[in-house]
């Protein structure tokens, strides 16, 4: 019995230490900059500058189905699947534009200029400039799913309508954490604003 308890204790300690390491590495990851223009009860308005991204399009607006495929393509690019065979630092968050087709984008590190980035080996990955934008944002913890993202999208549209803010009828998802991070998770749903 004492060996079972010792084994359980060791497993718990290992899990806790691994999560501390994961949370620290996530905290040390470069995060995309933005300006908060206004904070409301339940959401905020942000302005994002023009950002260089590696992006790919997957069929269908389904988060559960497409997140792995899109992530795998771009992860391959930043882990050396490019014309220079070089690794590019991972940044946070990862963005998915949810529409008829889902577009996944990784924000490129701020210390690498657009014309310095290597060419992807996979022609379904593109390097492009994402234009500056003003968005409304609602944040939530835990894990994302199609159901939760739809709920947050509906919630944010209601909050915007209540404030008389004009918005586009589609959204983007920002995921800040690797799937194996169990604590301190951060997710966001963004809606582009037509006018603010």
Protein backbone atom coordinates (compact mmCIF):
# COMPACT_ATOMS: atom_id res chain seq x y z
CA UNK A 1 0.00 0.00 0.00
CA UNK A 2 2.80 2.41 0.86
CA UNK A 3 4.37 1.83 -2.61
CA UNK A 4 1.09 2.80 -4.26
CA UNK A 5 0.91 5.99 -2.18
CA UNK A 6 4.55 6.78 -2.95
CA UNK A 7 3.92 6.26 -6.68
CA UNK A 8 0.85 8.52 -6.58
CA UNK A 9 2.83 11.16 -4.68
CA UNK A 10 5.68 11.05 -7.23
CA UNK A 11 3.19 11.33 -10.12
CA UNK A 12 1.49 14.34 -8.53
CA UNK A 13 4.82 16.08 -7.90
CA UNK A 14 5.90 15.37 -11.50
CA UNK A 15 2.62 16.78 -12.86
CA UNK A 16 2.86 19.91 -10.72
CA UNK A 17 6.49 20.56 -11.70
CA UNK A 18 5.75 20.00 -15.40
CA UNK A 19 2.84 22.48 -15.23
CA UNK A 20 5.04 25.06 -13.49
CA UNK A 21 7.56 24.67 -16.33
CA UNK A 22 4.83 24.95 -19.02
CA UNK A 23 3.30 28.07 -17.44
CA UNK A 24 6.77 29.69 -17.17
CA UNK A 25 7.62 28.91 -20.80
CA UNK A 26 4.25 30.32 -21.92
CA UNK A 27 4.90 33.47 -19.89
CA UNK A 28 8.31 33.86 -21.56
CA UNK A 29 6.85 33.55 -25.08
CA UNK A 30 6.59 36.79 -27.09
CA UNK A 31 2.99 38.01 -27.18
CA UNK A 32 1.52 40.25 -29.87
CA UNK A 33 1.22 43.91 -28.87
CA UNK A 34 -2.00 45.91 -29.04
CA UNK A 35 -3.50 49.08 -27.59
CA UNK A 36 -6.59 48.89 -25.38
CA UNK A 37 -8.87 51.70 -26.55
CA UNK A 38 -11.76 51.21 -24.11
CA UNK A 39 -12.87 48.70 -21.48
CA UNK A 40 -16.55 47.82 -21.05
CA UNK A 41 -18.26 45.48 -18.61
CA UNK A 42 -17.47 42.04 -20.09
CA UNK A 43 -15.32 43.05 -23.08
CA UNK A 44 -12.77 45.53 -24.38
CA UNK A 45 -11.95 47.35 -27.59
CA UNK A 46 -8.39 46.93 -28.92
CA UNK A 47 -6.35 48.26 -31.81
CA UNK A 48 -3.85 45.86 -33.36
CA UNK A 49 -1.05 47.16 -35.61
CA UNK A 50 -0.14 45.60 -38.95
CA UNK A 51 1.41 42.21 -38.16
CA UNK A 52 3.40 39.71 -40.22
CA UNK A 53 1.88 36.23 -40.10
CA UNK A 54 2.40 32.74 -41.45
CA UNK A 55 -1.07 31.59 -42.43
CA UNK A 56 -2.91 28.65 -43.95
CA UNK A 57 -6.51 27.96 -44.95
CA UNK A 58 -8.34 24.75 -44.07
CA UNK A 59 -11.77 23.75 -45.32
CA UNK A 60 -14.85 24.46 -43.26
CA UNK A 61 -15.46 26.71 -40.27
CA UNK A 62 -15.01 24.00 -37.65
CA UNK A 63 -12.57 24.56 -34.78
CA UNK A 64 -12.44 21.00 -33.48
CA UNK A 65 -11.71 19.54 -36.92
CA UNK A 66 -9.37 22.14 -38.33
CA UNK A 67 -7.22 23.34 -35.46
CA UNK A 68 -4.81 20.37 -35.60
CA UNK A 69 -4.44 20.46 -39.37
CA UNK A 70 -3.79 24.21 -39.52
CA UNK A 71 -1.46 24.12 -36.52
CA UNK A 72 0.53 21.23 -38.00
CA UNK A 73 1.14 23.01 -41.30
CA UNK A 74 2.42 26.24 -39.77
CA UNK A 75 4.32 24.51 -36.96
CA UNK A 76 6.19 22.58 -39.65
CA UNK A 77 7.18 25.90 -41.25
CA UNK A 78 8.52 27.47 -38.03
CA UNK A 79 10.30 24.25 -36.98
CA UNK A 80 12.45 24.28 -40.13
CA UNK A 81 10.15 23.40 -43.04
CA UNK A 82 11.30 26.42 -45.00
CA UNK A 83 13.80 27.54 -47.64
CA UNK A 84 16.51 28.23 -45.02
CA UNK A 85 15.86 25.11 -42.89
CA UNK A 86 15.82 27.48 -39.91
CA UNK A 87 13.68 27.47 -36.80
CA UNK A 88 11.54 30.51 -36.04
CA UNK A 89 10.52 31.28 -32.46
CA UNK A 90 6.93 30.49 -31.53
CA UNK A 91 4.88 33.50 -30.43
CA UNK A 92 1.52 33.83 -28.74
CA UNK A 93 -1.37 33.76 -29.46
CA UNK A 94 -2.35 31.60 -32.43
CA UNK A 95 -5.25 33.08 -34.40
CA UNK A 96 -8.05 31.24 -36.20
CA UNK A 97 -10.43 33.26 -38.39
CA UNK A 98 -13.70 31.36 -38.24
CA UNK A 99 -15.74 31.66 -41.44
CA UNK A 100 -16.83 29.33 -44.26
CA UNK A 101 -13.14 28.48 -44.48
CA UNK A 102 -10.98 28.56 -41.39
CA UNK A 103 -7.71 30.47 -41.59
CA UNK A 104 -5.05 29.80 -38.99
CA UNK A 105 -2.22 32.27 -38.46
CA UNK A 106 0.94 32.36 -36.37
CA UNK A 107 2.25 35.84 -35.61
CA UNK A 108 5.89 36.13 -36.62
CA UNK A 109 8.46 37.37 -34.07
CA UNK A 110 8.76 41.16 -34.01
CA UNK A 111 12.55 41.03 -34.51
CA UNK A 112 12.22 39.45 -37.99
CA UNK A 113 11.22 41.69 -40.89
CA UNK A 114 8.71 40.52 -43.49
CA UNK A 115 11.32 40.27 -46.28
CA UNK A 116 13.74 38.35 -44.02
CA UNK A 117 11.39 35.41 -43.45
CA UNK A 118 12.21 32.20 -45.32
CA UNK A 119 9.80 30.76 -47.89
CA UNK A 120 7.58 27.92 -46.61
CA UNK A 121 8.26 24.47 -48.12
CA UNK A 122 4.52 23.74 -48.01
CA UNK A 123 2.78 25.93 -50.60
CA UNK A 124 -0.42 25.97 -48.52
CA UNK A 125 1.43 28.17 -45.98
CA UNK A 126 1.72 31.85 -46.92
CA UNK A 127 3.65 34.73 -45.38
CA UNK A 128 1.66 37.94 -45.44
CA UNK A 129 0.93 41.20 -43.69
CA UNK A 130 -2.24 41.21 -41.60
CA UNK A 131 -3.58 44.78 -41.76
CA UNK A 132 -4.14 46.87 -38.65
CA UNK A 133 -7.61 46.51 -37.15
CA UNK A 134 -9.91 47.57 -34.33
CA UNK A 135 -11.66 44.69 -32.60
CA UNK A 136 -13.90 43.85 -29.67
CA UNK A 137 -12.57 41.09 -27.42
CA UNK A 138 -14.07 38.76 -24.83
CA UNK A 139 -11.73 36.52 -22.80
CA UNK A 140 -12.30 33.13 -21.19
CA UNK A 141 -10.34 30.32 -19.55
CA UNK A 142 -10.26 26.58 -20.06
CA UNK A 143 -10.28 24.91 -23.46
CA UNK A 144 -11.96 26.11 -26.64
CA UNK A 145 -14.51 24.07 -28.57
CA UNK A 146 -16.97 24.87 -31.34
CA UNK A 147 -19.78 25.14 -28.78
CA UNK A 148 -17.88 27.48 -26.45
CA UNK A 149 -16.65 29.65 -29.33
CA UNK A 150 -20.21 29.99 -30.68
CA UNK A 151 -21.43 30.95 -27.19
CA UNK A 152 -18.71 33.59 -26.77
CA UNK A 153 -19.37 34.95 -30.28
CA UNK A 154 -23.09 35.31 -29.49
CA UNK A 155 -22.31 36.84 -26.10
CA UNK A 156 -19.94 39.41 -27.61
CA UNK A 157 -22.41 40.33 -30.38
CA UNK A 158 -25.08 40.94 -27.73
CA UNK A 159 -22.73 43.13 -25.67
CA UNK A 160 -21.77 45.15 -28.76
CA UNK A 161 -25.39 45.58 -29.86
CA UNK A 162 -26.30 46.79 -26.36
CA UNK A 163 -23.59 49.48 -26.67
CA UNK A 164 -24.66 50.45 -30.22
CA UNK A 165 -21.28 49.43 -31.67
CA UNK A 166 -21.32 48.36 -35.34
CA UNK A 167 -19.47 45.09 -36.01
CA UNK A 168 -18.83 42.44 -38.65
CA UNK A 169 -20.78 39.18 -38.38
CA UNK A 170 -17.82 36.82 -38.06
CA UNK A 171 -15.11 36.25 -35.49
CA UNK A 172 -11.56 35.16 -34.79
CA UNK A 173 -10.31 32.96 -31.99
CA UNK A 174 -7.03 33.59 -30.16
CA UNK A 175 -5.47 30.70 -28.24
CA UNK A 176 -2.58 31.54 -25.92
CA UNK A 177 -1.59 28.17 -24.46
CA UNK A 178 -0.37 24.77 -25.65
CA UNK A 179 -3.00 22.02 -25.27
CA UNK A 180 -0.99 20.27 -22.55
CA UNK A 181 -1.11 23.33 -20.26
CA UNK A 182 -3.71 22.48 -17.62
CA UNK A 183 -3.82 25.68 -15.54
CA UNK A 184 -3.89 29.43 -16.16
CA UNK A 185 -5.31 29.05 -19.68
CA UNK A 186 -6.30 32.10 -21.75
CA UNK A 187 -8.56 32.27 -24.81
CA UNK A 188 -10.23 35.16 -26.61
CA UNK A 189 -12.91 35.74 -29.23
CA UNK A 190 -12.46 38.82 -31.42
CA UNK A 191 -14.95 40.59 -33.66
CA UNK A 192 -13.77 43.22 -36.16
CA UNK A 193 -15.53 46.53 -35.74
CA UNK A 194 -16.85 48.44 -38.75
CA UNK A 195 -16.62 51.74 -36.91
CA UNK A 196 -15.45 52.84 -33.48
